Amino acid sequence: MSRPAILIIALLVMAVGASVATLLVVRSTQPEHAQLSDEQQLTRQKVFGFSNELPPIEKGQEMRPRW
């Protein structure tokens, strides 16, 4: 094989190895079940509101924010 082909294969192997390592690190740091405690749920509801669905858009109502 020529030198450029070997270099390209080596770079591909290194890229795949780095991707696998990154995936393993990210998965190991994420908890299995991210359940919120009651206190965290109350705080979330205070900040973001309750999990009710948004009202339907009325006919002719614009979707852009009012800055």
Protein backbone atom coordinates (compact mmCIF):
# COMPACT_ATOMS: atom_id res chain seq x y z
CA MET A 1 0.00 0.00 0.00
CA SER A 2 1.10 3.53 -0.56
CA ARG A 3 1.97 5.93 2.21
CA PRO A 4 -1.11 8.19 1.73
CA ALA A 5 -3.45 5.19 1.91
CA ILE A 6 -1.88 4.02 5.16
CA LEU A 7 -2.13 7.56 6.57
CA ILE A 8 -5.82 7.81 5.64
CA ILE A 9 -6.59 4.42 7.20
CA ALA A 10 -4.72 5.39 10.37
CA LEU A 11 -6.67 8.66 10.61
CA LEU A 12 -9.97 6.83 10.14
CA VAL A 13 -9.08 4.31 12.85
CA MET A 14 -8.17 7.16 15.22
CA ALA A 15 -11.45 8.98 14.46
CA VAL A 16 -13.52 5.87 15.11
CA GLY A 17 -11.62 5.24 18.35
CA ALA A 18 -12.19 8.80 19.52
CA SER A 19 -15.91 8.54 18.71
CA VAL A 20 -16.27 5.30 20.64
CA ALA A 21 -14.37 6.72 23.61
CA THR A 22 -16.56 9.83 23.63
CA LEU A 23 -19.72 7.72 23.48
CA LEU A 24 -18.57 5.57 26.38
CA VAL A 25 -17.69 8.59 28.52
CA VAL A 26 -20.99 10.33 27.83
CA ARG A 27 -23.04 7.23 28.56
CA SER A 28 -21.17 6.49 31.78
CA THR A 29 -21.81 9.99 33.17
CA GLN A 30 -25.55 9.99 32.44
CA PRO A 31 -27.75 8.53 35.18
CA GLU A 32 -29.98 5.63 34.27
CA HIS A 33 -33.24 7.21 35.41
CA ALA A 34 -33.31 10.96 35.82
CA GLN A 35 -36.27 11.24 38.19
CA LEU A 36 -36.84 14.63 39.76
CA SER A 37 -37.49 14.90 43.47
CA ASP A 38 -40.69 16.54 44.68
CA GLU A 39 -38.81 19.74 45.50
CA GLN A 40 -37.24 19.81 42.04
CA GLN A 41 -40.63 19.22 40.39
CA LEU A 42 -42.21 22.09 42.34
CA THR A 43 -39.36 24.40 41.39
CA ARG A 44 -39.65 23.36 37.75
CA GLN A 45 -43.38 24.03 37.78
CA LYS A 46 -42.82 27.47 39.34
CA VAL A 47 -40.25 28.43 36.72
CA PHE A 48 -41.69 26.82 33.57
CA GLY A 49 -45.34 26.50 34.51
CA PHE A 50 -47.45 23.39 34.73
CA SER A 51 -47.36 20.75 32.03
CA ASN A 52 -50.70 21.72 30.52
CA GLU A 53 -50.96 21.80 26.77
CA LEU A 54 -50.82 25.15 25.04
CA PRO A 55 -54.09 26.59 23.76
CA PRO A 56 -54.76 26.18 20.04
CA ILE A 57 -53.70 29.00 17.73
CA GLU A 58 -56.60 31.17 16.74
CA LYS A 59 -57.26 31.81 13.09
CA GLY A 60 -55.20 34.76 11.89
CA GLN A 61 -52.98 34.84 14.98
CA GLU A 62 -49.32 35.38 14.25
CA MET A 63 -46.70 32.95 15.46
CA ARG A 64 -43.84 35.41 15.91
CA PRO A 65 -42.83 36.81 19.29
CA ARG A 66 -43.82 40.32 20.30
CA TRP A 67 -40.48 42.02 20.90
